[in-house]
C-alpha atoms as a PDB file:
ATOM      1  CA  MET A   1     -39.446 -17.980  -6.456  1.00  0.00           C
ATOM      2  CA  LEU A   2     -36.065 -16.935  -5.052  1.00  0.00           C
ATOM      3  CA  LEU A   3     -37.610 -13.957  -3.230  1.00  0.00           C
ATOM      4  CA  LYS A   4     -39.727 -16.365  -1.142  1.00  0.00           C
ATOM      5  CA  LEU A   5     -36.514 -17.759   0.333  1.00  0.00           C
ATOM      6  CA  ILE A   6     -35.370 -14.303   1.571  1.00  0.00           C
ATOM      7  CA  PRO A   7     -36.543 -13.299   5.077  1.00  0.00           C
ATOM      8  CA  ALA A   8     -38.933 -10.329   5.068  1.00  0.00           C
ATOM      9  CA  GLY A   9     -36.530  -8.053   6.954  1.00  0.00           C
ATOM     10  CA  LEU A  10     -33.669  -8.768   4.580  1.00  0.00           C
ATOM     11  CA  LEU A  11     -36.001  -8.344   1.614  1.00  0.00           C
ATOM     12  CA  ALA A  12     -36.784  -4.811   2.815  1.00  0.00           C
ATOM     13  CA  VAL A  13     -33.074  -4.008   2.984  1.00  0.00           C
ATOM     14  CA  VAL A  14     -32.559  -5.383  -0.524  1.00  0.00           C
ATOM     15  CA  ALA A  15     -35.504  -3.352  -1.815  1.00  0.00           C
ATOM     16  CA  TRP A  16     -33.988  -0.125  -0.468  1.00  0.00           C
ATOM     17  CA  ALA A  17     -30.362  -0.873  -1.290  1.00  0.00           C
ATOM     18  CA  ASN A  18     -30.344   1.710  -4.080  1.00  0.00           C
ATOM     19  CA  VAL A  19     -32.051   4.591  -2.289  1.00  0.00           C
ATOM     20  CA  ILE A  20     -29.096   6.905  -3.000  1.00  0.00           C
ATOM     21  CA  ASN A  21     -29.020   6.041  -6.698  1.00  0.00           C
ATOM     22  CA  ASP A  22     -32.814   6.315  -6.966  1.00  0.00           C
ATOM     23  CA  VAL A  23     -32.804   9.791  -5.436  1.00  0.00           C
ATOM     24  CA  ARG A  24     -29.868  10.874  -7.610  1.00  0.00           C
ATOM     25  CA  GLU A  25     -31.845   9.735 -10.647  1.00  0.00           C
ATOM     26  CA  ALA A  26     -34.801  11.860  -9.511  1.00  0.00           C
ATOM     27  CA  VAL A  27     -32.458  14.823  -8.957  1.00  0.00           C
ATOM     28  CA  ALA A  28     -31.007  14.383 -12.457  1.00  0.00           C
ATOM     29  CA  HIS A  29     -34.510  15.020 -13.789  1.00  0.00           C
ATOM     30  CA  ASN A  30     -35.176  17.878 -11.336  1.00  0.00           C
ATOM     31  CA  ASN A  31     -38.003  15.797  -9.892  1.00  0.00           C
ATOM     32  CA  PHE A  32     -37.643  16.754  -6.256  1.00  0.00           C
ATOM     33  CA  THR A  33     -41.193  15.702  -5.403  1.00  0.00           C
ATOM     34  CA  PHE A  34     -40.426  12.154  -6.498  1.00  0.00           C
ATOM     35  CA  GLY A  35     -37.106  12.248  -4.655  1.00  0.00           C
ATOM     36  CA  ASP A  36     -38.921  13.360  -1.510  1.00  0.00           C
ATOM     37  CA  SER A  37     -41.393  10.495  -1.846  1.00  0.00           C
ATOM     38  CA  ILE A  38     -38.576   7.941  -2.197  1.00  0.00           C
ATOM     39  CA  ILE A  39     -36.965   9.198   1.004  1.00  0.00           C
ATOM     40  CA  GLN A  40     -40.231   9.305   2.946  1.00  0.00           C
ATOM     41  CA  LYS A  41     -41.070   5.720   1.975  1.00  0.00           C
ATOM     42  CA  TYR A  42     -37.539   4.629   2.847  1.00  0.00           C
ATOM     43  CA  ARG A  43     -37.715   6.348   6.218  1.00  0.00           C
ATOM     44  CA  SER A  44     -41.059   4.715   7.021  1.00  0.00           C
ATOM     45  CA  SER A  45     -39.523   1.315   6.298  1.00  0.00           C
ATOM     46  CA  GLN A  46     -35.923   1.668   7.512  1.00  0.00           C
ATOM     47  CA  GLY A  47     -35.859   4.724   9.748  1.00  0.00           C
ATOM     48  CA  VAL A  48     -33.121   7.339   9.614  1.00  0.00           C
ATOM     49  CA  THR A  49     -29.921   5.777   8.310  1.00  0.00           C
ATOM     50  CA  PRO A  50     -26.683   7.236   6.938  1.00  0.00           C
ATOM     51  CA  GLU A  51     -27.753   6.065   3.467  1.00  0.00           C
ATOM     52  CA  MET A  52     -31.003   7.966   3.780  1.00  0.00           C
ATOM     53  CA  LEU A  53     -29.121  11.072   4.846  1.00  0.00           C
ATOM     54  CA  VAL A  54     -26.802  10.849   1.841  1.00  0.00           C
ATOM     55  CA  ALA A  55     -29.873  10.558  -0.385  1.00  0.00           C
ATOM     56  CA  LEU A  56     -31.414  13.584   1.307  1.00  0.00           C
ATOM     57  CA  SER A  57     -28.183  15.522   0.850  1.00  0.00           C
ATOM     58  CA  TRP A  58     -28.432  14.839  -2.888  1.00  0.00           C
ATOM     59  CA  LEU A  59     -31.761  16.629  -2.944  1.00  0.00           C
ATOM     60  CA  GLY A  60     -29.996  19.631  -1.440  1.00  0.00           C
ATOM     61  CA  ARG A  61     -27.183  19.473  -3.969  1.00  0.00           C
ATOM     62  CA  GLY A  62     -29.639  19.113  -6.814  1.00  0.00           C
ATOM     63  CA  ALA A  63     -31.765  22.025  -5.675  1.00  0.00           C
ATOM     64  CA  LEU A  64     -28.637  24.170  -5.354  1.00  0.00           C
ATOM     65  CA  ALA A  65     -27.572  23.284  -8.895  1.00  0.00           C
ATOM     66  CA  ALA A  66     -31.091  24.151 -10.093  1.00  0.00           C
ATOM     67  CA  LYS A  67     -30.839  27.493  -8.230  1.00  0.00           C
ATOM     68  CA  GLN A  68     -33.851  26.614  -6.113  1.00  0.00           C
ATOM     69  CA  PHE A  69     -32.216  28.122  -3.081  1.00  0.00           C
ATOM     70  CA  ASP A  70     -35.119  27.856  -0.634  1.00  0.00           C
ATOM     71  CA  LYS A  71     -35.404  24.145  -1.358  1.00  0.00           C
ATOM     72  CA  ALA A  72     -31.653  23.654  -1.136  1.00  0.00           C
ATOM     73  CA  ASP A  73     -31.519  25.495   2.194  1.00  0.00           C
ATOM     74  CA  SER A  74     -34.350  23.383   3.601  1.00  0.00           C
ATOM     75  CA  TYR A  75     -32.804  20.086   2.509  1.00  0.00           C
ATOM     76  CA  ALA A  76     -29.389  21.104   3.848  1.00  0.00           C
ATOM     77  CA  LYS A  77     -30.765  22.105   7.243  1.00  0.00           C
ATOM     78  CA  GLU A  78     -32.803  18.904   7.501  1.00  0.00           C
ATOM     79  CA  THR A  79     -29.802  16.766   6.597  1.00  0.00           C
ATOM     80  CA  TYR A  80     -27.567  18.624   9.055  1.00  0.00           C
ATOM     81  CA  GLN A  81     -30.071  18.311  11.901  1.00  0.00           C
ATOM     82  CA  MET A  82     -30.587  14.562  11.436  1.00  0.00           C
ATOM     83  CA  ALA A  83     -26.894  13.898  10.844  1.00  0.00           C
ATOM     84  CA  THR A  84     -25.908  15.626  14.067  1.00  0.00           C
ATOM     85  CA  GLU A  85     -28.553  13.573  15.886  1.00  0.00           C
ATOM     86  CA  GLU A  86     -26.848  10.464  14.542  1.00  0.00           C
ATOM     87  CA  LEU A  87     -23.543  11.757  15.948  1.00  0.00           C
ATOM     88  CA  LYS A  88     -24.981  11.236  19.430  1.00  0.00           C
ATOM     89  CA  LYS A  89     -24.902   7.516  18.682  1.00  0.00           C
ATOM     90  CA  ARG A  90     -21.505   7.158  16.970  1.00  0.00           C
ATOM     91  CA  PRO A  91     -18.407   9.144  15.927  1.00  0.00           C
ATOM     92  CA  LEU A  92     -18.673  10.794  12.520  1.00  0.00           C
ATOM     93  CA  ASP A  93     -16.030   8.652  10.852  1.00  0.00           C
ATOM     94  CA  ALA A  94     -17.326   5.362  12.257  1.00  0.00           C
ATOM     95  CA  ASP A  95     -19.572   5.185   9.206  1.00  0.00           C
ATOM     96  CA  GLY A  96     -18.589   5.767   5.584  1.00  0.00           C
ATOM     97  CA  GLU A  97     -21.850   7.460   4.576  1.00  0.00           C
ATOM     98  CA  LEU A  98     -22.423   9.850   7.489  1.00  0.00           C
ATOM     99  CA  PRO A  99     -19.427  12.127   6.683  1.00  0.00           C
ATOM    100  CA  ILE A 100     -20.660  12.390   3.079  1.00  0.00           C
ATOM    101  CA  ALA A 101     -24.108  13.494   4.206  1.00  0.00           C
ATOM    102  CA  LEU A 102     -22.925  15.984   6.813  1.00  0.00           C
ATOM    103  CA  GLY A 103     -20.190  17.395   4.577  1.00  0.00           C
ATOM    104  CA  ALA A 104     -22.699  17.919   1.775  1.00  0.00           C
ATOM    105  CA  ALA A 105     -25.171  19.618   4.109  1.00  0.00           C
ATOM    106  CA  ILE A 106     -22.519  22.090   5.286  1.00  0.00           C
ATOM    107  CA  GLU A 107     -21.388  22.672   1.712  1.00  0.00           C
ATOM    108  CA  VAL A 108     -24.900  23.363   0.399  1.00  0.00           C
ATOM    109  CA  GLU A 109     -25.766  25.641   3.315  1.00  0.00           C
ATOM    110  CA  ALA A 110     -22.658  27.758   2.671  1.00  0.00           C
ATOM    111  CA  GLN A 111     -23.168  27.864  -1.083  1.00  0.00           C
ATOM    112  CA  VAL A 112     -26.782  28.976  -0.620  1.00  0.00           C
ATOM    113  CA  MET A 113     -25.624  31.821   1.630  1.00  0.00           C
ATOM    114  CA  ALA A 114     -23.045  32.877  -0.964  1.00  0.00           C
ATOM    115  CA  ALA A 115     -25.574  32.657  -3.799  1.00  0.00           C
ATOM    116  CA  ARG A 116     -27.868  34.972  -1.839  1.00  0.00           C
ATOM    117  CA  GLY A 117     -25.074  37.530  -1.599  1.00  0.00           C
ATOM    118  CA  ASP A 118     -23.727  36.749   1.870  1.00  0.00           C
ATOM    119  CA  ARG A 119     -20.276  35.454   0.965  1.00  0.00           C
ATOM    120  CA  ILE A 120     -18.738  36.777   4.195  1.00  0.00           C
ATOM    121  CA  GLY A 121     -21.409  35.036   6.233  1.00  0.00           C
ATOM    122  CA  ALA A 122     -20.830  31.812   4.298  1.00  0.00           C
ATOM    123  CA  VAL A 123     -17.084  31.879   4.972  1.00  0.00           C
ATOM    124  CA  THR A 124     -17.686  32.682   8.656  1.00  0.00           C
ATOM    125  CA  TYR A 125     -20.106  29.746   8.899  1.00  0.00           C
ATOM    126  CA  LEU A 126     -17.650  27.398   7.204  1.00  0.00           C
ATOM    127  CA  ARG A 127     -14.791  28.449   9.458  1.00  0.00           C
ATOM    128  CA  ALA A 128     -16.913  27.706  12.516  1.00  0.00           C
ATOM    129  CA  GLU A 129     -17.786  24.269  11.117  1.00  0.00           C
ATOM    130  CA  ARG A 130     -14.124  23.648  10.322  1.00  0.00           C
ATOM    131  CA  VAL A 131     -13.272  24.215  13.984  1.00  0.00           C
ATOM    132  CA  LYS A 132     -16.126  21.943  15.063  1.00  0.00           C
ATOM    133  CA  TYR A 133     -15.041  19.097  12.774  1.00  0.00           C
ATOM    134  CA  ALA A 134     -11.284  19.739  12.686  1.00  0.00           C
ATOM    135  CA  ALA A 135     -10.439  16.214  13.808  1.00  0.00           C
ATOM    136  CA  THR A 136     -12.684  14.466  11.267  1.00  0.00           C
ATOM    137  CA  SER A 137     -12.535  13.508   7.613  1.00  0.00           C
ATOM    138  CA  ILE A 138     -14.817  16.376   6.508  1.00  0.00           C
ATOM    139  CA  ARG A 139     -12.335  19.067   7.550  1.00  0.00           C
ATOM    140  CA  THR A 140     -10.739  19.018   4.092  1.00  0.00           C
ATOM    141  CA  ARG A 141     -14.119  19.271   2.363  1.00  0.00           C
ATOM    142  CA  ILE A 142     -15.044  22.260   4.512  1.00  0.00           C
ATOM    143  CA  GLN A 143     -11.707  23.877   3.648  1.00  0.00           C
ATOM    144  CA  LYS A 144     -12.429  23.299  -0.042  1.00  0.00           C
ATOM    145  CA  ASN A 145     -15.587  25.352   0.281  1.00  0.00           C
ATOM    146  CA  ILE A 146     -13.796  28.089   2.206  1.00  0.00           C
ATOM    147  CA  ASN A 147     -11.248  28.227  -0.607  1.00  0.00           C
ATOM    148  CA  LEU A 148     -13.909  28.277  -3.309  1.00  0.00           C
ATOM    149  CA  LEU A 149     -15.349  31.408  -1.715  1.00  0.00           C
ATOM    150  CA  SER A 150     -12.217  33.176  -0.554  1.00  0.00           C
ATOM    151  CA  LEU A 151      -8.875  31.857  -1.829  1.00  0.00           C
ATOM    152  CA  GLU A 152      -8.745  33.486  -5.268  1.00  0.00           C
ATOM    153  CA  GLY A 153      -7.013  36.857  -5.056  1.00  0.00           C
ATOM    154  CA  LYS A 154      -4.979  35.864  -1.997  1.00  0.00           C
ATOM    155  CA  LEU A 155      -1.375  34.751  -1.629  1.00  0.00           C
ATOM    156  CA  ALA A 156      -1.016  31.013  -2.138  1.00  0.00           C
ATOM    157  CA  PRO A 157      -0.496  29.125   1.140  1.00  0.00           C
ATOM    158  CA  ALA A 158       2.953  27.578   1.531  1.00  0.00           C
ATOM    159  CA  LEU A 159       3.321  23.875   0.798  1.00  0.00           C
ATOM    160  CA  ASP A 160       4.794  21.271   3.109  1.00  0.00           C
ATOM    161  CA  GLU A 161       7.619  19.914   0.946  1.00  0.00           C
ATOM    162  CA  HIS A 162       9.787  17.968   3.371  1.00  0.00           C
ATOM    163  CA  GLU A 163       8.842  14.654   1.714  1.00  0.00           C
ATOM    164  CA  PHE A 164       8.538  14.350  -2.044  1.00  0.00           C
ATOM    165  CA  LEU A 165       8.984  12.316  -5.205  1.00  0.00           C
ATOM    166  CA  GLY A 166      10.427  13.625  -8.466  1.00  0.00           C
ATOM    167  CA  ALA A 167      12.425  16.825  -8.635  1.00  0.00           C
ATOM    168  CA  THR A 168      13.266  18.712  -5.449  1.00  0.00           C
ATOM    169  CA  PRO A 169      10.478  21.243  -4.844  1.00  0.00           C
ATOM    170  CA  ARG A 170      11.198  24.887  -4.168  1.00  0.00           C
ATOM    171  CA  PRO A 171       9.055  26.914  -1.737  1.00  0.00           C
ATOM    172  CA  LEU A 172       6.259  28.817  -3.478  1.00  0.00           C
ATOM    173  CA  ALA A 173       7.656  32.060  -2.085  1.00  0.00           C
ATOM    174  CA  LEU A 174      10.804  31.487  -4.181  1.00  0.00           C
ATOM    175  CA  LEU A 175       8.798  30.907  -7.358  1.00  0.00           C
ATOM    176  CA  LYS A 176       7.526  34.474  -7.626  1.00  0.00           C
ATOM    177  CA  GLY A 177       8.099  35.799 -11.110  1.00  0.00           C
ATOM    178  CA  LYS A 178       6.859  32.521 -12.608  1.00  0.00           C
ATOM    179  CA  PRO A 179       3.321  31.229 -13.118  1.00  0.00           C
ATOM    180  CA  VAL A 180       2.620  28.049 -11.143  1.00  0.00           C
ATOM    181  CA  VAL A 181       0.137  25.207 -11.580  1.00  0.00           C
ATOM    182  CA  LEU A 182      -0.611  23.072  -8.518  1.00  0.00           C
ATOM    183  CA  PHE A 183      -2.094  19.703  -9.469  1.00  0.00           C
ATOM    184  CA  PHE A 184      -3.453  17.816  -6.451  1.00  0.00           C
ATOM    185  CA  TRP A 185      -3.829  14.130  -7.286  1.00  0.00           C
ATOM    186  CA  ALA A 186      -4.319  10.730  -5.677  1.00  0.00           C
ATOM    187  CA  HIS A 187      -2.878   7.371  -6.659  1.00  0.00           C
ATOM    188  CA  TRP A 188      -6.373   5.830  -6.891  1.00  0.00           C
ATOM    189  CA  CYS A 189      -7.899   8.695  -8.918  1.00  0.00           C
ATOM    190  CA  GLY A 190      -8.930   7.844 -12.475  1.00  0.00           C
ATOM    191  CA  ASP A 191      -9.756  11.454 -13.352  1.00  0.00           C
ATOM    192  CA  CYS A 192      -6.249  12.466 -12.273  1.00  0.00           C
ATOM    193  CA  LYS A 193      -4.725   9.956 -14.673  1.00  0.00           C
ATOM    194  CA  GLN A 194      -6.860  11.328 -17.500  1.00  0.00           C
ATOM    195  CA  GLU A 195      -5.670  14.844 -16.641  1.00  0.00           C
ATOM    196  CA  ALA A 196      -1.986  13.835 -16.806  1.00  0.00           C
ATOM    197  CA  PRO A 197      -1.499  14.287 -20.590  1.00  0.00           C
ATOM    198  CA  ILE A 198      -3.216  17.679 -20.379  1.00  0.00           C
ATOM    199  CA  LEU A 199      -0.781  18.797 -17.681  1.00  0.00           C
ATOM    200  CA  ALA A 200       2.126  17.463 -19.708  1.00  0.00           C
ATOM    201  CA  GLU A 201       0.991  19.412 -22.785  1.00  0.00           C
ATOM    202  CA  ILE A 202       0.502  22.591 -20.752  1.00  0.00           C
ATOM    203  CA  GLU A 203       3.960  22.236 -19.189  1.00  0.00           C
ATOM    204  CA  LYS A 204       5.458  21.947 -22.668  1.00  0.00           C
ATOM    205  CA  GLU A 205       3.441  24.822 -24.182  1.00  0.00           C
ATOM    206  CA  TYR A 206       4.219  27.299 -21.411  1.00  0.00           C
ATOM    207  CA  ALA A 207       7.816  26.314 -20.662  1.00  0.00           C
ATOM    208  CA  ALA A 208       9.047  29.455 -22.453  1.00  0.00           C
ATOM    209  CA  LYS A 209       6.963  31.560 -20.050  1.00  0.00           C
ATOM    210  CA  GLY A 210       8.644  29.892 -17.088  1.00  0.00           C
ATOM    211  CA  LEU A 211       5.650  27.810 -16.011  1.00  0.00           C
ATOM    212  CA  ILE A 212       6.263  25.611 -12.977  1.00  0.00           C
ATOM    213  CA  VAL A 213       4.057  22.570 -12.321  1.00  0.00           C
ATOM    214  CA  VAL A 214       3.926  21.084  -8.821  1.00  0.00           C
ATOM    215  CA  ALA A 215       1.917  17.911  -8.158  1.00  0.00           C
ATOM    216  CA  PRO A 216       1.088  17.486  -4.454  1.00  0.00           C
ATOM    217  CA  THR A 217      -0.251  14.119  -3.342  1.00  0.00           C
ATOM    218  CA  GLN A 218      -0.782  12.265  -0.075  1.00  0.00           C
ATOM    219  CA  ARG A 219      -1.014   8.805   1.433  1.00  0.00           C
ATOM    220  CA  TYR A 220      -4.402   7.229   2.113  1.00  0.00           C
ATOM    221  CA  GLY A 221      -3.358   4.124   4.031  1.00  0.00           C
ATOM    222  CA  TYR A 222      -3.890   1.664   1.204  1.00  0.00           C
ATOM    223  CA  VAL A 223      -2.635   0.629  -2.226  1.00  0.00           C
ATOM    224  CA  ALA A 224      -4.185  -1.309  -5.118  1.00  0.00           C
ATOM    225  CA  ARG A 225      -7.590  -2.929  -4.486  1.00  0.00           C
ATOM    226  CA  GLY A 226      -7.850  -1.132  -1.145  1.00  0.00           C
ATOM    227  CA  GLU A 227      -5.168  -3.281   0.471  1.00  0.00           C
ATOM    228  CA  GLU A 228      -3.901  -1.663   3.672  1.00  0.00           C
ATOM    229  CA  ALA A 229      -0.296  -0.515   3.465  1.00  0.00           C
ATOM    230  CA  ALA A 230       2.376   0.933   5.721  1.00  0.00           C
ATOM    231  CA  PRO A 231       3.540   4.457   4.785  1.00  0.00           C
ATOM    232  CA  ALA A 232       6.776   3.272   3.156  1.00  0.00           C
ATOM    233  CA  ASP A 233       4.925   0.692   1.074  1.00  0.00           C
ATOM    234  CA  GLU A 234       2.318   3.204  -0.016  1.00  0.00           C
ATOM    235  CA  THR A 235       5.015   5.710  -0.970  1.00  0.00           C
ATOM    236  CA  LYS A 236       6.622   3.032  -3.137  1.00  0.00           C
ATOM    237  CA  TYR A 237       3.232   2.337  -4.723  1.00  0.00           C
ATOM    238  CA  ILE A 238       2.648   6.052  -5.389  1.00  0.00           C
ATOM    239  CA  ASP A 239       5.956   6.164  -7.233  1.00  0.00           C
ATOM    240  CA  GLU A 240       4.954   3.122  -9.275  1.00  0.00           C
ATOM    241  CA  VAL A 241       1.720   4.881 -10.233  1.00  0.00           C
ATOM    242  CA  ARG A 242       3.703   7.991 -11.216  1.00  0.00           C
ATOM    243  CA  HIS A 243       5.927   5.986 -13.540  1.00  0.00           C
ATOM    244  CA  LYS A 244       3.006   4.106 -15.082  1.00  0.00           C
ATOM    245  CA  TYR A 245       0.468   6.914 -15.572  1.00  0.00           C
ATOM    246  CA  TYR A 246       2.459  10.153 -15.234  1.00  0.00           C
ATOM    247  CA  SER A 247       5.588   9.285 -17.204  1.00  0.00           C
ATOM    248  CA  ASP A 248       5.609  12.686 -18.948  1.00  0.00           C
ATOM    249  CA  LEU A 249       5.543  14.451 -15.569  1.00  0.00           C
ATOM    250  CA  LEU A 250       8.290  12.588 -13.730  1.00  0.00           C
ATOM    251  CA  ASN A 251      10.377  15.775 -13.625  1.00  0.00           C
ATOM    252  CA  VAL A 252       7.580  17.535 -11.714  1.00  0.00           C
ATOM    253  CA  PRO A 253       8.005  17.839  -7.910  1.00  0.00           C
ATOM    254  CA  ALA A 254       5.408  15.748  -6.067  1.00  0.00           C
ATOM    255  CA  PRO A 255       5.305  16.706  -2.372  1.00  0.00           C
ATOM    256  CA  ILE A 256       3.658  14.037  -0.211  1.00  0.00           C
ATOM    257  CA  SER A 257       1.678  15.608   2.623  1.00  0.00           C
ATOM    258  CA  GLU A 258      -1.796  15.306   4.089  1.00  0.00           C
ATOM    259  CA  ASP A 259      -1.352  18.825   5.456  1.00  0.00           C
ATOM    260  CA  ASN A 260      -1.206  20.256   1.912  1.00  0.00           C
ATOM    261  CA  PHE A 261      -4.551  18.638   1.096  1.00  0.00           C
ATOM    262  CA  LYS A 262      -6.118  20.017   4.269  1.00  0.00           C
ATOM    263  CA  LYS A 263      -4.713  23.495   3.648  1.00  0.00           C
ATOM    264  CA  TYR A 264      -5.887  23.616   0.034  1.00  0.00           C
ATOM    265  CA  GLY A 265      -9.120  21.743   0.711  1.00  0.00           C
ATOM    266  CA  ALA A 266      -8.310  19.140  -1.910  1.00  0.00           C
ATOM    267  CA  SER A 267     -11.121  16.746  -0.984  1.00  0.00           C
ATOM    268  CA  THR A 268     -11.821  16.500  -4.713  1.00  0.00           C
ATOM    269  CA  THR A 269      -9.112  15.061  -6.932  1.00  0.00           C
ATOM    270  CA  PRO A 270      -7.839  16.409  -9.109  1.00  0.00           C
ATOM    271  CA  THR A 271      -7.842  19.953  -7.781  1.00  0.00           C
ATOM    272  CA  VAL A 272      -6.089  22.522  -9.967  1.00  0.00           C
ATOM    273  CA  VAL A 273      -4.761  25.801  -8.566  1.00  0.00           C
ATOM    274  CA  LEU A 274      -3.218  28.538 -10.718  1.00  0.00           C
ATOM    275  CA  ILE A 275      -0.858  31.013  -9.091  1.00  0.00           C
ATOM    276  CA  ASP A 276       0.304  34.170 -10.855  1.00  0.00           C
ATOM    277  CA  ARG A 277       3.802  35.674 -10.977  1.00  0.00           C
ATOM    278  CA  GLN A 278       3.152  37.605  -7.775  1.00  0.00           C
ATOM    279  CA  GLY A 279       2.283  34.419  -5.875  1.00  0.00           C
ATOM    280  CA  VAL A 280      -1.462  35.156  -5.858  1.00  0.00           C
ATOM    281  CA  VAL A 281      -4.068  32.448  -6.469  1.00  0.00           C
ATOM    282  CA  ARG A 282      -6.022  33.275  -9.615  1.00  0.00           C
ATOM    283  CA  LEU A 283      -7.919  30.004 -10.058  1.00  0.00           C
ATOM    284  CA  TYR A 284      -9.081  27.398  -7.565  1.00  0.00           C
ATOM    285  CA  HIS A 285     -10.740  24.531  -9.410  1.00  0.00           C
ATOM    286  CA  PRO A 286     -11.789  21.225  -7.799  1.00  0.00           C
ATOM    287  CA  GLY A 287     -12.244  18.685 -10.584  1.00  0.00           C
ATOM    288  CA  THR A 288     -10.901  18.094 -14.068  1.00  0.00           C
ATOM    289  CA  MET A 289     -10.142  20.789 -16.634  1.00  0.00           C
ATOM    290  CA  THR A 290      -9.917  20.420 -20.394  1.00  0.00           C
ATOM    291  CA  LEU A 291      -6.801  21.505 -22.249  1.00  0.00           C
ATOM    292  CA  GLU A 292      -8.717  24.486 -23.636  1.00  0.00           C
ATOM    293  CA  GLU A 293      -9.962  25.542 -20.192  1.00  0.00           C
ATOM    294  CA  LEU A 294      -6.544  25.308 -18.606  1.00  0.00           C
ATOM    295  CA  ARG A 295      -4.895  27.083 -21.515  1.00  0.00           C
ATOM    296  CA  ALA A 296      -7.426  29.933 -21.353  1.00  0.00           C
ATOM    297  CA  ALA A 297      -6.905  30.282 -17.589  1.00  0.00           C
ATOM    298  CA  LEU A 298      -3.138  30.460 -18.032  1.00  0.00           C
ATOM    299  CA  ASN A 299      -3.473  33.011 -20.828  1.00  0.00           C
ATOM    300  CA  ARG A 300      -5.425  35.234 -18.449  1.00  0.00           C
ATOM    301  CA  LEU A 301      -2.398  35.247 -16.162  1.00  0.00           C
ATOM    302  CA  GLY A 302      -0.381  36.923 -18.934  1.00  0.00           C
END
């Protein structure tokens, strides 16, 4: 009865409101044919929209995870082509969904190249895309993928430490001789809060080996419930979050810098980076780690 009161055009929008979730559900069951059909029906009804492109990008991500590289490559190229067409109509960051779709397309394309054995080509491609989108929100995501393919085994990039909370940070170059854990976190990040006790336990366990934990963060322009905030107010809020959720890590230096996130490609929070006693990155890990995983990685450092 209620549906009769909704105009036909609005009813169509309501019917397709969950296109991203529907496609993700199809991907979870490796049913790419069904996912394709959802997108085709959506496109016939609504045309090309940022939501449709995000859904299409999920097919690419799913195919990559399933190691169906031809499929993944095709979905990524299709998403990229349509997303860049949309950029003729609006700036990338004018829409919340379009950067997700384009960033995912670039990510999948590079990961397919690497999976096929062309890691150098993948990094070259990503660096070119980083230049192209340097002034947009996907720059950090592109850097993440560059780092995933090339950062391990290289000297850790220096951190911007001119602004910080907690203990005074020391430049990474002066920490040689000690193993270092970098823990990139965000004040809004639930996974980061869940990782906090693991970091605290690791700091305690490896104190005798000289382990140093550094917890870079950045401002995002808002505080609780997405309320916009001036930098000073957000910094105060970050410190409140530290005291509430990271009370066992208050002694840890927490540099505040967007540049650090761009440099380390920390578009995923948390991101964990392990640096050996020579200052070389030995693990670059976007996402959470269990205590056992982090402990094993540190034990490999010796």
